[in-house]
C-alpha atoms as a PDB file:
ATOM      1  CA  UNK A   1       1.676 -28.328  16.969  1.00  0.00           C
ATOM      2  CA  UNK A   2       3.951 -25.142  18.392  1.00  0.00           C
ATOM      3  CA  UNK A   3       2.235 -22.691  19.904  1.00  0.00           C
ATOM      4  CA  UNK A   4       2.211 -19.051  18.925  1.00  0.00           C
ATOM      5  CA  UNK A   5       1.483 -17.772  21.672  1.00  0.00           C
ATOM      6  CA  UNK A   6       3.990 -13.702  21.732  1.00  0.00           C
ATOM      7  CA  UNK A   7       3.614 -13.561  17.893  1.00  0.00           C
ATOM      8  CA  UNK A   8       1.239 -11.626  14.946  1.00  0.00           C
ATOM      9  CA  UNK A   9      -0.821 -13.729  13.175  1.00  0.00           C
ATOM     10  CA  UNK A  10      -0.227 -14.534   9.799  1.00  0.00           C
ATOM     11  CA  UNK A  11      -0.889 -12.000   7.378  1.00  0.00           C
ATOM     12  CA  UNK A  12      -3.392 -12.669   4.785  1.00  0.00           C
ATOM     13  CA  UNK A  13      -5.832 -11.534   2.783  1.00  0.00           C
ATOM     14  CA  UNK A  14      -9.301 -13.353   2.802  1.00  0.00           C
ATOM     15  CA  UNK A  15     -11.415 -12.975   0.045  1.00  0.00           C
ATOM     16  CA  UNK A  16     -14.931 -13.121   1.077  1.00  0.00           C
ATOM     17  CA  UNK A  17     -19.124 -13.111   0.114  1.00  0.00           C
ATOM     18  CA  UNK A  18     -21.311  -9.684   1.308  1.00  0.00           C
ATOM     19  CA  UNK A  19     -24.227 -10.186  -0.350  1.00  0.00           C
ATOM     20  CA  UNK A  20     -23.787 -10.291  -3.822  1.00  0.00           C
ATOM     21  CA  UNK A  21     -20.388  -8.765  -3.416  1.00  0.00           C
ATOM     22  CA  UNK A  22     -16.889 -10.006  -3.616  1.00  0.00           C
ATOM     23  CA  UNK A  23     -15.427  -8.520  -0.573  1.00  0.00           C
ATOM     24  CA  UNK A  24     -11.834  -8.631   0.747  1.00  0.00           C
ATOM     25  CA  UNK A  25     -11.121  -8.388   4.340  1.00  0.00           C
ATOM     26  CA  UNK A  26      -7.370  -8.927   5.293  1.00  0.00           C
ATOM     27  CA  UNK A  27      -5.455  -9.183   8.642  1.00  0.00           C
ATOM     28  CA  UNK A  28      -5.292  -6.192   9.982  1.00  0.00           C
ATOM     29  CA  UNK A  29      -8.898  -5.646   9.390  1.00  0.00           C
ATOM     30  CA  UNK A  30     -10.193  -8.616  11.683  1.00  0.00           C
ATOM     31  CA  UNK A  31      -7.421  -8.080  14.408  1.00  0.00           C
ATOM     32  CA  UNK A  32      -5.991  -4.137  14.490  1.00  0.00           C
ATOM     33  CA  UNK A  33      -6.738  -2.598  17.323  1.00  0.00           C
ATOM     34  CA  UNK A  34      -9.302  -5.260  18.545  1.00  0.00           C
ATOM     35  CA  UNK A  35      -9.775  -7.976  21.110  1.00  0.00           C
ATOM     36  CA  UNK A  36     -10.323 -10.769  19.695  1.00  0.00           C
ATOM     37  CA  UNK A  37     -11.346 -15.174  19.940  1.00  0.00           C
ATOM     38  CA  UNK A  38     -10.456 -17.113  16.833  1.00  0.00           C
ATOM     39  CA  UNK A  39     -11.516 -20.310  16.931  1.00  0.00           C
ATOM     40  CA  UNK A  40     -10.809 -22.701  14.371  1.00  0.00           C
ATOM     41  CA  UNK A  41     -12.481 -25.991  12.989  1.00  0.00           C
ATOM     42  CA  UNK A  42     -11.800 -28.824  10.273  1.00  0.00           C
ATOM     43  CA  UNK A  43     -15.135 -28.586   8.318  1.00  0.00           C
ATOM     44  CA  UNK A  44     -18.040 -26.270   7.850  1.00  0.00           C
ATOM     45  CA  UNK A  45     -21.203 -28.679   8.821  1.00  0.00           C
ATOM     46  CA  UNK A  46     -19.701 -31.250  10.115  1.00  0.00           C
ATOM     47  CA  UNK A  47     -20.534 -32.864  13.339  1.00  0.00           C
ATOM     48  CA  UNK A  48     -18.491 -32.163  16.492  1.00  0.00           C
ATOM     49  CA  UNK A  49     -18.322 -28.297  15.023  1.00  0.00           C
ATOM     50  CA  UNK A  50     -22.271 -28.397  13.654  1.00  0.00           C
ATOM     51  CA  UNK A  51     -23.623 -29.803  17.286  1.00  0.00           C
ATOM     52  CA  UNK A  52     -21.122 -27.989  19.758  1.00  0.00           C
ATOM     53  CA  UNK A  53     -17.728 -25.619  18.666  1.00  0.00           C
ATOM     54  CA  UNK A  54     -20.141 -22.695  16.929  1.00  0.00           C
ATOM     55  CA  UNK A  55     -22.911 -23.647  19.284  1.00  0.00           C
ATOM     56  CA  UNK A  56     -21.220 -22.663  22.577  1.00  0.00           C
ATOM     57  CA  UNK A  57     -19.470 -19.567  21.207  1.00  0.00           C
ATOM     58  CA  UNK A  58     -22.698 -18.383  20.042  1.00  0.00           C
ATOM     59  CA  UNK A  59     -24.349 -18.585  22.943  1.00  0.00           C
ATOM     60  CA  UNK A  60     -21.939 -17.092  24.875  1.00  0.00           C
ATOM     61  CA  UNK A  61     -20.915 -13.962  22.210  1.00  0.00           C
ATOM     62  CA  UNK A  62     -22.553 -11.239  25.281  1.00  0.00           C
ATOM     63  CA  UNK A  63     -20.608 -13.061  28.467  1.00  0.00           C
ATOM     64  CA  UNK A  64     -17.670 -12.908  25.906  1.00  0.00           C
ATOM     65  CA  UNK A  65     -18.492  -9.193  24.597  1.00  0.00           C
ATOM     66  CA  UNK A  66     -18.781  -8.750  28.927  1.00  0.00           C
ATOM     67  CA  UNK A  67     -14.886  -9.166  29.534  1.00  0.00           C
ATOM     68  CA  UNK A  68     -13.225  -7.022  26.478  1.00  0.00           C
ATOM     69  CA  UNK A  69     -13.943  -9.151  23.108  1.00  0.00           C
ATOM     70  CA  UNK A  70     -14.593  -7.646  20.783  1.00  0.00           C
ATOM     71  CA  UNK A  71     -15.758 -10.253  17.877  1.00  0.00           C
ATOM     72  CA  UNK A  72     -15.230 -14.049  17.826  1.00  0.00           C
ATOM     73  CA  UNK A  73     -13.975 -15.025  14.435  1.00  0.00           C
ATOM     74  CA  UNK A  74     -14.549 -19.285  13.420  1.00  0.00           C
ATOM     75  CA  UNK A  75     -12.459 -19.888  11.288  1.00  0.00           C
ATOM     76  CA  UNK A  76     -11.888 -22.224   8.681  1.00  0.00           C
ATOM     77  CA  UNK A  77     -10.473 -24.427   5.316  1.00  0.00           C
ATOM     78  CA  UNK A  78     -13.463 -23.499   3.136  1.00  0.00           C
ATOM     79  CA  UNK A  79     -14.809 -21.706   0.799  1.00  0.00           C
ATOM     80  CA  UNK A  80     -16.885 -18.094   1.393  1.00  0.00           C
ATOM     81  CA  UNK A  81     -20.627 -19.539  -0.024  1.00  0.00           C
ATOM     82  CA  UNK A  82     -19.953 -22.918   2.044  1.00  0.00           C
ATOM     83  CA  UNK A  83     -18.669 -20.451   5.535  1.00  0.00           C
ATOM     84  CA  UNK A  84     -22.140 -18.144   4.401  1.00  0.00           C
ATOM     85  CA  UNK A  85     -24.401 -20.980   3.989  1.00  0.00           C
ATOM     86  CA  UNK A  86     -23.181 -22.889   7.179  1.00  0.00           C
ATOM     87  CA  UNK A  87     -23.527 -19.687   9.661  1.00  0.00           C
ATOM     88  CA  UNK A  88     -27.074 -19.161   8.323  1.00  0.00           C
ATOM     89  CA  UNK A  89     -28.032 -22.923   9.247  1.00  0.00           C
ATOM     90  CA  UNK A  90     -26.855 -22.455  12.547  1.00  0.00           C
ATOM     91  CA  UNK A  91     -28.536 -18.825  13.424  1.00  0.00           C
ATOM     92  CA  UNK A  92     -24.982 -17.853  14.320  1.00  0.00           C
ATOM     93  CA  UNK A  93     -25.173 -14.251  14.540  1.00  0.00           C
ATOM     94  CA  UNK A  94     -23.495 -13.317  17.129  1.00  0.00           C
ATOM     95  CA  UNK A  95     -20.226 -15.328  14.685  1.00  0.00           C
ATOM     96  CA  UNK A  96     -18.101 -14.203  12.285  1.00  0.00           C
ATOM     97  CA  UNK A  97     -16.996 -16.589   9.794  1.00  0.00           C
ATOM     98  CA  UNK A  98     -13.375 -15.984   7.268  1.00  0.00           C
ATOM     99  CA  UNK A  99     -13.265 -18.389   4.571  1.00  0.00           C
ATOM    100  CA  UNK A 100      -9.183 -19.840   4.932  1.00  0.00           C
ATOM    101  CA  UNK A 101     -10.384 -21.310   1.119  1.00  0.00           C
ATOM    102  CA  UNK A 102      -6.362 -21.759   0.123  1.00  0.00           C
ATOM    103  CA  UNK A 103      -5.274 -22.497   4.194  1.00  0.00           C
ATOM    104  CA  UNK A 104      -3.043 -19.614   4.066  1.00  0.00           C
ATOM    105  CA  UNK A 105      -4.074 -18.311   7.660  1.00  0.00           C
ATOM    106  CA  UNK A 106      -4.056 -22.003   8.742  1.00  0.00           C
ATOM    107  CA  UNK A 107      -0.975 -22.887   7.315  1.00  0.00           C
ATOM    108  CA  UNK A 108       1.373 -19.538   8.817  1.00  0.00           C
ATOM    109  CA  UNK A 109      -0.567 -20.565  12.464  1.00  0.00           C
ATOM    110  CA  UNK A 110       1.397 -24.231  11.413  1.00  0.00           C
ATOM    111  CA  UNK A 111      -1.913 -25.394  11.566  1.00  0.00           C
ATOM    112  CA  UNK A 112      -2.919 -26.817   8.284  1.00  0.00           C
ATOM    113  CA  UNK A 113      -3.117 -30.904   8.508  1.00  0.00           C
ATOM    114  CA  UNK A 114      -3.748 -33.458   5.846  1.00  0.00           C
ATOM    115  CA  UNK A 115      -6.890 -35.382   6.123  1.00  0.00           C
ATOM    116  CA  UNK A 116      -7.200 -37.180   2.924  1.00  0.00           C
ATOM    117  CA  UNK A 117      -7.849 -39.845   4.755  1.00  0.00           C
ATOM    118  CA  UNK A 118     -11.510 -38.694   4.907  1.00  0.00           C
ATOM    119  CA  UNK A 119     -11.485 -37.316   1.363  1.00  0.00           C
ATOM    120  CA  UNK A 120     -10.721 -33.355   2.637  1.00  0.00           C
ATOM    121  CA  UNK A 121      -7.630 -32.775   1.575  1.00  0.00           C
ATOM    122  CA  UNK A 122      -5.781 -30.285   4.015  1.00  0.00           C
ATOM    123  CA  UNK A 123      -7.860 -29.008   6.778  1.00  0.00           C
ATOM    124  CA  UNK A 124      -7.243 -26.512  10.001  1.00  0.00           C
ATOM    125  CA  UNK A 125      -6.064 -28.518  12.791  1.00  0.00           C
ATOM    126  CA  UNK A 126      -8.676 -27.895  15.592  1.00  0.00           C
ATOM    127  CA  UNK A 127      -7.384 -24.793  18.181  1.00  0.00           C
ATOM    128  CA  UNK A 128      -8.621 -21.327  19.620  1.00  0.00           C
ATOM    129  CA  UNK A 129      -6.667 -18.227  21.069  1.00  0.00           C
ATOM    130  CA  UNK A 130      -7.332 -14.949  21.782  1.00  0.00           C
ATOM    131  CA  UNK A 131      -5.796 -12.151  20.204  1.00  0.00           C
ATOM    132  CA  UNK A 132      -5.139  -8.608  20.916  1.00  0.00           C
ATOM    133  CA  UNK A 133      -3.961  -6.014  18.400  1.00  0.00           C
ATOM    134  CA  UNK A 134      -2.850  -8.424  16.564  1.00  0.00           C
ATOM    135  CA  UNK A 135      -0.543 -10.727  19.018  1.00  0.00           C
ATOM    136  CA  UNK A 136      -1.645 -14.137  19.800  1.00  0.00           C
ATOM    137  CA  UNK A 137      -2.210 -13.862  23.664  1.00  0.00           C
ATOM    138  CA  UNK A 138      -3.217 -17.519  24.064  1.00  0.00           C
ATOM    139  CA  UNK A 139      -4.027 -20.718  21.905  1.00  0.00           C
ATOM    140  CA  UNK A 140      -5.480 -23.657  23.466  1.00  0.00           C
ATOM    141  CA  UNK A 141      -4.305 -26.936  20.618  1.00  0.00           C
ATOM    142  CA  UNK A 142      -6.420 -29.754  20.717  1.00  0.00           C
ATOM    143  CA  UNK A 143      -4.518 -32.697  21.486  1.00  0.00           C
ATOM    144  CA  UNK A 144      -2.452 -35.002  18.956  1.00  0.00           C
ATOM    145  CA  UNK A 145      -4.742 -37.556  19.048  1.00  0.00           C
ATOM    146  CA  UNK A 146      -6.078 -39.935  16.022  1.00  0.00           C
ATOM    147  CA  UNK A 147      -9.628 -39.080  15.244  1.00  0.00           C
ATOM    148  CA  UNK A 148     -10.852 -34.838  15.794  1.00  0.00           C
ATOM    149  CA  UNK A 149     -10.241 -34.308  19.635  1.00  0.00           C
ATOM    150  CA  UNK A 150     -12.370 -31.243  20.903  1.00  0.00           C
ATOM    151  CA  UNK A 151     -11.361 -31.324  24.710  1.00  0.00           C
ATOM    152  CA  UNK A 152      -9.296 -27.220  25.154  1.00  0.00           C
ATOM    153  CA  UNK A 153     -10.397 -25.159  22.537  1.00  0.00           C
ATOM    154  CA  UNK A 154     -14.140 -24.930  23.862  1.00  0.00           C
ATOM    155  CA  UNK A 155     -16.093 -21.436  24.255  1.00  0.00           C
ATOM    156  CA  UNK A 156     -15.979 -22.881  28.626  1.00  0.00           C
ATOM    157  CA  UNK A 157     -12.587 -23.004  28.386  1.00  0.00           C
ATOM    158  CA  UNK A 158     -11.748 -19.320  26.744  1.00  0.00           C
ATOM    159  CA  UNK A 159     -14.228 -17.533  28.820  1.00  0.00           C
ATOM    160  CA  UNK A 160     -12.752 -19.469  31.842  1.00  0.00           C
ATOM    161  CA  UNK A 161      -8.839 -18.131  30.944  1.00  0.00           C
ATOM    162  CA  UNK A 162     -10.586 -14.943  30.373  1.00  0.00           C
ATOM    163  CA  UNK A 163     -12.192 -14.623  33.687  1.00  0.00           C
ATOM    164  CA  UNK A 164     -11.918 -17.837  36.651  1.00  0.00           C
ATOM    165  CA  UNK A 165     -14.634 -16.656  38.816  1.00  0.00           C
ATOM    166  CA  UNK A 166     -16.778 -16.950  36.014  1.00  0.00           C
ATOM    167  CA  UNK A 167     -20.170 -19.303  36.468  1.00  0.00           C
ATOM    168  CA  UNK A 168     -21.615 -20.652  33.800  1.00  0.00           C
ATOM    169  CA  UNK A 169     -25.809 -19.851  33.343  1.00  0.00           C
ATOM    170  CA  UNK A 170     -28.343 -22.532  32.762  1.00  0.00           C
ATOM    171  CA  UNK A 171     -28.427 -23.149  29.572  1.00  0.00           C
ATOM    172  CA  UNK A 172     -32.310 -21.822  27.737  1.00  0.00           C
ATOM    173  CA  UNK A 173     -35.178 -23.460  25.555  1.00  0.00           C
ATOM    174  CA  UNK A 174     -38.170 -22.244  24.277  1.00  0.00           C
ATOM    175  CA  UNK A 175     -41.036 -23.251  21.718  1.00  0.00           C
ATOM    176  CA  UNK A 176     -42.785 -20.589  19.579  1.00  0.00           C
ATOM    177  CA  UNK A 177     -44.300 -20.113  16.490  1.00  0.00           C
ATOM    178  CA  UNK A 178     -44.398 -17.038  14.405  1.00  0.00           C
ATOM    179  CA  UNK A 179     -47.388 -15.001  15.459  1.00  0.00           C
ATOM    180  CA  UNK A 180     -47.692 -15.933  19.103  1.00  0.00           C
ATOM    181  CA  UNK A 181     -47.608 -13.314  21.617  1.00  0.00           C
ATOM    182  CA  UNK A 182     -47.483 -15.041  23.745  1.00  0.00           C
ATOM    183  CA  UNK A 183     -44.275 -16.292  23.120  1.00  0.00           C
ATOM    184  CA  UNK A 184     -43.300 -12.907  22.402  1.00  0.00           C
ATOM    185  CA  UNK A 185     -44.439 -12.201  26.039  1.00  0.00           C
ATOM    186  CA  UNK A 186     -42.035 -14.794  26.954  1.00  0.00           C
ATOM    187  CA  UNK A 187     -38.919 -13.477  24.677  1.00  0.00           C
ATOM    188  CA  UNK A 188     -39.096  -9.725  25.672  1.00  0.00           C
ATOM    189  CA  UNK A 189     -39.369 -11.472  29.897  1.00  0.00           C
ATOM    190  CA  UNK A 190     -36.149 -13.916  29.306  1.00  0.00           C
ATOM    191  CA  UNK A 191     -34.109 -10.996  27.279  1.00  0.00           C
ATOM    192  CA  UNK A 192     -35.166  -7.985  30.959  1.00  0.00           C
ATOM    193  CA  UNK A 193     -33.925 -11.029  33.045  1.00  0.00           C
ATOM    194  CA  UNK A 194     -30.645 -11.774  30.879  1.00  0.00           C
ATOM    195  CA  UNK A 195     -31.290 -14.716  29.741  1.00  0.00           C
ATOM    196  CA  UNK A 196     -29.511 -15.920  26.888  1.00  0.00           C
ATOM    197  CA  UNK A 197     -32.143 -18.713  25.406  1.00  0.00           C
ATOM    198  CA  UNK A 198     -32.387 -20.972  21.808  1.00  0.00           C
ATOM    199  CA  UNK A 199     -35.766 -20.658  20.254  1.00  0.00           C
ATOM    200  CA  UNK A 200     -37.483 -23.826  17.791  1.00  0.00           C
ATOM    201  CA  UNK A 201     -39.819 -22.348  15.359  1.00  0.00           C
ATOM    202  CA  UNK A 202     -42.518 -24.451  14.734  1.00  0.00           C
ATOM    203  CA  UNK A 203     -42.319 -25.297  11.448  1.00  0.00           C
ATOM    204  CA  UNK A 204     -39.290 -24.419  10.873  1.00  0.00           C
ATOM    205  CA  UNK A 205     -37.441 -26.089  13.704  1.00  0.00           C
ATOM    206  CA  UNK A 206     -39.193 -28.407  15.016  1.00  0.00           C
ATOM    207  CA  UNK A 207     -43.208 -29.447  15.001  1.00  0.00           C
ATOM    208  CA  UNK A 208     -46.013 -29.726  17.733  1.00  0.00           C
ATOM    209  CA  UNK A 209     -45.869 -33.137  17.933  1.00  0.00           C
ATOM    210  CA  UNK A 210     -42.058 -32.336  19.190  1.00  0.00           C
ATOM    211  CA  UNK A 211     -43.940 -30.536  21.764  1.00  0.00           C
ATOM    212  CA  UNK A 212     -46.695 -32.837  22.587  1.00  0.00           C
ATOM    213  CA  UNK A 213     -43.706 -35.231  22.838  1.00  0.00           C
ATOM    214  CA  UNK A 214     -41.628 -33.283  25.607  1.00  0.00           C
ATOM    215  CA  UNK A 215     -43.831 -31.602  28.059  1.00  0.00           C
ATOM    216  CA  UNK A 216     -47.479 -33.287  26.783  1.00  0.00           C
ATOM    217  CA  UNK A 217     -48.906 -30.029  26.284  1.00  0.00           C
ATOM    218  CA  UNK A 218     -50.362 -28.723  22.663  1.00  0.00           C
ATOM    219  CA  UNK A 219     -49.794 -25.324  23.074  1.00  0.00           C
ATOM    220  CA  UNK A 220     -46.581 -22.082  22.545  1.00  0.00           C
ATOM    221  CA  UNK A 221     -45.041 -20.964  24.244  1.00  0.00           C
ATOM    222  CA  UNK A 222     -42.291 -23.611  26.140  1.00  0.00           C
ATOM    223  CA  UNK A 223     -39.194 -22.629  28.893  1.00  0.00           C
ATOM    224  CA  UNK A 224     -37.188 -25.022  29.770  1.00  0.00           C
ATOM    225  CA  UNK A 225     -34.578 -23.891  31.460  1.00  0.00           C
ATOM    226  CA  UNK A 226     -31.402 -25.308  32.574  1.00  0.00           C
ATOM    227  CA  UNK A 227     -32.887 -28.641  31.930  1.00  0.00           C
ATOM    228  CA  UNK A 228     -36.196 -27.577  34.371  1.00  0.00           C
ATOM    229  CA  UNK A 229     -39.578 -27.424  32.560  1.00  0.00           C
ATOM    230  CA  UNK A 230     -41.219 -24.464  33.070  1.00  0.00           C
ATOM    231  CA  UNK A 231     -44.133 -24.228  30.636  1.00  0.00           C
ATOM    232  CA  UNK A 232     -45.818 -21.385  29.623  1.00  0.00           C
ATOM    233  CA  UNK A 233     -45.853 -17.239  29.563  1.00  0.00           C
ATOM    234  CA  UNK A 234     -47.925 -17.789  32.249  1.00  0.00           C
ATOM    235  CA  UNK A 235     -45.829 -19.976  34.867  1.00  0.00           C
ATOM    236  CA  UNK A 236     -42.318 -18.303  33.294  1.00  0.00           C
ATOM    237  CA  UNK A 237     -43.682 -14.642  35.379  1.00  0.00           C
ATOM    238  CA  UNK A 238     -44.666 -17.544  38.178  1.00  0.00           C
ATOM    239  CA  UNK A 239     -40.795 -18.508  38.367  1.00  0.00           C
ATOM    240  CA  UNK A 240     -39.275 -15.390  37.826  1.00  0.00           C
ATOM    241  CA  UNK A 241     -41.466 -14.018  40.736  1.00  0.00           C
END
């Protein structure tokens, strides 16, 4: 697979569904006058794409913005309804999902591959790229190996290309429940300290059984930072103090 570095991205019109309307989005709409990261993957709702590829780009979106990135685009040879449903399922509010349903953009990038053995038909090879004003500056293309390699198109590789001195902040998770004032207090404190965090909401993402099994407690919030169990909102205040 040849790199497209130094070349223009393919000129394509994408048919997207926004709300209850069809909206055509062109390549110029996405790239002209912007600095954009694109990561492309075999399919929405597939294991590696859902567990690692998309979530990490979404998690690091604020860090990318600090480095001058205007938008992060996830591209896949799926239809717009599937892409929209996947974005909602992933709570990936920082990512723009683009459906390359006919594979035109992917084919123009030279990344369209046959996955008929899986019943997928034609899909995108996994890759990422940095695009400035429609010109591909850098591509990270996964090696041509059996299966679904995921070694170089990840968010950490891209951000270290942009800033070789960048250091990853500790990952943060907070268990909360709707209407909990102490949960709101903990969220606000994390935001004030500049932390990006994953929020696990009881009744939607987990139950109190999970909280008790992990922490031994029956209250929320419960906060973890960098693999360390912090505790509730008062414990979080003491941690930062």
